Amino acid sequence: MKAAIVYESLYGNTRAIADAIAQGLEGVAEPHVMSVEEAGQTQPTATDLLVVGGPTHIHGMSRKPMWELAVKDALEHPEKGLVPDAASGGPGLRAWFDFLDKATGKAAAFDTRLKGNKLVTGHASKGIAKRLKQHGLELIVEPASFLVDEANQLLPGELDRAREWGKTLGAALSPAP
């Protein structure tokens, strides 16, 4: 089986989670992790599983103007220790979904977000899941959130939790014995 893991990442947290999810899928599926920009050059729906994730900005999926402000802020204030991800600056998930073909198959959604109540922080995975379903894909698990702190660093244990979530995805893909 093949799995495509598409991510949008601003500071590298979502990319790190995508890589950890791929590690959890190994042995069940052949995972291919790609930025949303790379995914825009292909149609990654031709897989057994499409996993899509992005950072949460203002309660949902990022929007280009806010994303550009965040990158500008990071570059103008290096003392914050935030470095834009090498794949940042692409079209973003919203634009990518606009060009994604309809498909059939299995899917999963995740996000990175600030630790706190979802009602306060929001969670991009909800919008990602909705878009995946609109494109004809079947969600095999509930959307997942992986948490960052106020300094925008992944909380301890989140990469391990992402690997375990990847194993859960693999188990959901595997036929029952």
Protein backbone atom coordinates (compact mmCIF):
# COMPACT_ATOMS: atom_id res chain seq x y z
CA MET A 1 0.00 0.00 0.00
CA LYS A 2 1.05 3.59 -0.58
CA ALA A 3 0.41 6.62 1.61
CA ALA A 4 0.89 10.29 0.70
CA ILE A 5 1.39 12.69 3.59
CA VAL A 6 0.93 16.29 2.47
CA TYR A 7 1.81 19.11 4.85
CA GLU A 8 1.92 22.87 5.04
CA SER A 9 4.45 24.06 7.59
CA LEU A 10 5.49 27.50 8.71
CA TYR A 11 8.23 26.83 11.26
CA GLY A 12 8.84 23.11 10.71
CA ASN A 13 6.54 21.70 13.39
CA THR A 14 3.94 20.35 10.98
CA ARG A 15 6.69 18.92 8.76
CA ALA A 16 8.20 17.14 11.79
CA ILE A 17 4.77 15.70 12.67
CA ALA A 18 4.29 14.54 9.05
CA ASP A 19 7.66 12.75 9.18
CA ALA A 20 6.73 11.08 12.48
CA ILE A 21 3.37 9.94 11.07
CA ALA A 22 5.26 8.43 8.12
CA GLN A 23 7.49 6.52 10.55
CA GLY A 24 4.39 5.11 12.22
CA LEU A 25 2.99 3.98 8.86
CA GLU A 26 6.16 2.14 7.82
CA GLY A 27 5.66 -1.60 7.62
CA VAL A 28 2.01 -1.22 6.65
CA ALA A 29 2.26 1.34 3.87
CA GLU A 30 5.00 2.98 1.86
CA PRO A 31 4.76 6.61 3.02
CA HIS A 32 5.76 9.57 0.88
CA VAL A 33 5.95 12.88 2.75
CA MET A 34 5.64 16.00 0.61
CA SER A 35 5.11 19.70 1.12
CA VAL A 36 1.91 21.20 -0.22
CA GLU A 37 4.01 22.87 -2.91
CA GLU A 38 5.42 19.49 -4.04
CA ALA A 39 1.93 17.96 -3.86
CA GLY A 40 0.65 20.71 -6.13
CA GLN A 41 2.81 19.30 -8.89
CA THR A 42 1.21 15.84 -8.62
CA GLN A 43 -2.18 14.40 -7.74
CA PRO A 44 -1.41 12.52 -4.50
CA THR A 45 -4.96 11.11 -4.38
CA ALA A 46 -3.71 8.09 -6.39
CA THR A 47 -2.66 6.35 -3.17
CA ASP A 48 -4.26 4.03 -0.65
CA LEU A 49 -4.19 6.76 2.01
CA LEU A 50 -3.96 10.55 1.79
CA VAL A 51 -2.97 12.26 5.05
CA VAL A 52 -3.09 16.07 5.07
CA GLY A 53 -1.96 18.45 7.78
CA GLY A 54 -1.25 22.09 8.43
CA PRO A 55 -0.78 24.67 11.17
CA THR A 56 -3.73 26.31 12.86
CA HIS A 57 -3.95 30.06 12.28
CA ILE A 58 -6.84 32.13 13.62
CA HIS A 59 -8.99 29.07 14.43
CA GLY A 60 -8.53 27.21 11.12
CA MET A 61 -6.39 26.57 8.07
CA SER A 62 -3.88 29.27 7.38
CA ARG A 63 -4.59 32.09 4.98
CA LYS A 64 -1.85 33.51 2.79
CA PRO A 65 -1.86 37.11 4.17
CA MET A 66 -1.59 35.97 7.82
CA TRP A 67 0.99 33.40 6.85
CA GLU A 68 3.12 36.06 5.13
CA LEU A 69 2.91 38.27 8.24
CA ALA A 70 4.09 35.38 10.42
CA VAL A 71 7.10 34.74 8.17
CA LYS A 72 7.92 38.46 8.10
CA ASP A 73 7.71 38.60 11.91
CA ALA A 74 10.07 35.63 12.24
CA LEU A 75 12.60 37.20 9.89
CA GLU A 76 12.40 40.62 11.55
CA HIS A 77 12.67 39.22 15.10
CA PRO A 78 15.34 36.51 15.11
CA GLU A 79 15.44 36.70 18.92
CA LYS A 80 12.19 34.69 18.90
CA GLY A 81 14.12 31.73 17.50
CA LEU A 82 11.54 30.99 14.81
CA VAL A 83 12.94 29.98 11.44
CA PRO A 84 10.61 29.64 8.45
CA ASP A 85 10.46 26.09 7.11
CA ALA A 86 12.43 25.49 3.91
CA ALA A 87 9.17 24.55 2.14
CA SER A 88 7.31 27.62 3.35
CA GLY A 89 6.03 30.13 0.85
CA GLY A 90 4.12 27.68 -1.32
CA PRO A 91 0.47 27.90 -2.29
CA GLY A 92 -0.92 26.76 1.07
CA LEU A 93 -3.52 24.09 1.74
CA ARG A 94 -6.52 26.26 0.85
CA ALA A 95 -5.20 26.91 -2.68
CA TRP A 96 -4.05 23.30 -3.05
CA PHE A 97 -7.50 21.97 -2.21
CA ASP A 98 -8.97 24.23 -4.90
CA PHE A 99 -6.97 22.35 -7.55
CA LEU A 100 -7.17 18.84 -6.08
CA ASP A 101 -9.08 16.34 -8.21
CA LYS A 102 -12.09 14.45 -6.89
CA ALA A 103 -11.06 11.02 -5.67
CA THR A 104 -12.12 7.93 -3.82
CA GLY A 105 -10.14 6.33 -1.06
CA LYS A 106 -9.06 6.72 2.52
CA ALA A 107 -7.86 9.89 4.20
CA ALA A 108 -6.88 11.46 7.51
CA ALA A 109 -6.41 15.04 8.73
CA PHE A 110 -4.10 16.56 11.32
CA ASP A 111 -2.90 19.94 12.48
CA THR A 112 -0.47 21.62 14.79
CA ARG A 113 -1.93 24.14 17.18
CA LEU A 114 -1.32 25.99 20.40
CA LYS A 115 -2.00 23.97 23.53
CA GLY A 116 -5.41 24.89 24.92
CA ASN A 117 -9.11 24.33 24.51
CA LYS A 118 -10.09 23.86 20.84
CA LEU A 119 -12.88 26.40 21.31
CA VAL A 120 -10.23 29.01 22.07
CA THR A 121 -7.39 27.91 19.77
CA GLY A 122 -9.36 26.43 16.90
CA HIS A 123 -8.01 23.51 14.91
CA ALA A 124 -7.16 23.41 11.22
CA SER A 125 -7.74 19.65 11.07
CA LYS A 126 -11.49 20.22 11.17
CA GLY A 127 -11.40 22.27 7.95
CA ILE A 128 -8.89 19.88 6.37
CA ALA A 129 -11.17 16.92 7.14
CA LYS A 130 -14.14 18.75 5.65
CA ARG A 131 -12.22 19.48 2.45
CA LEU A 132 -11.03 15.87 2.18
CA LYS A 133 -14.63 14.66 2.42
CA GLN A 134 -15.74 17.23 -0.17
CA HIS A 135 -13.19 15.71 -2.54
CA GLY A 136 -14.76 12.27 -2.11
CA LEU A 137 -12.34 10.78 0.40
CA GLU A 138 -13.37 8.73 3.43
CA LEU A 139 -11.86 9.67 6.80
CA ILE A 140 -10.63 6.55 8.58
CA VAL A 141 -9.94 8.23 11.94
CA GLU A 142 -10.95 11.41 13.71
CA PRO A 143 -8.78 14.45 12.93
CA ALA A 144 -5.81 14.85 15.25
CA SER A 145 -4.09 17.89 16.75
CA PHE A 146 -0.45 18.00 17.81
CA LEU A 147 0.45 20.72 20.25
CA VAL A 148 2.97 23.53 20.42
CA ASP A 149 3.80 25.88 23.27
CA GLU A 150 3.72 29.69 23.42
CA ALA A 151 7.22 29.77 21.86
CA ASN A 152 5.89 27.71 18.92
CA GLN A 153 7.87 24.59 19.83
CA LEU A 154 6.35 21.11 19.79
CA LEU A 155 5.49 19.94 23.27
CA PRO A 156 7.50 17.01 24.64
CA GLY A 157 6.08 13.68 23.48
CA GLU A 158 4.21 15.05 20.45
CA LEU A 159 6.50 13.34 17.93
CA ASP A 160 5.98 10.02 19.73
CA ARG A 161 2.24 10.64 19.72
CA ALA A 162 2.39 11.35 15.97
CA ARG A 163 4.24 8.06 15.37
CA GLU A 164 1.53 6.25 17.35
CA TRP A 165 -1.17 8.03 15.33
CA GLY A 166 0.61 6.82 12.19
CA LYS A 167 0.42 3.26 13.54
CA THR A 168 -3.30 3.80 14.19
CA LEU A 169 -3.72 4.88 10.57
CA GLY A 170 -1.85 1.78 9.44
CA ALA A 171 -4.07 -0.46 11.54
CA ALA A 172 -7.17 1.19 10.07
CA LEU A 173 -5.82 0.48 6.57
CA SER A 174 -4.96 -3.14 7.21
CA PRO A 175 -7.63 -5.70 6.36
CA ALA A 176 -9.11 -7.47 9.38
CA PRO A 177 -7.52 -10.90 10.02
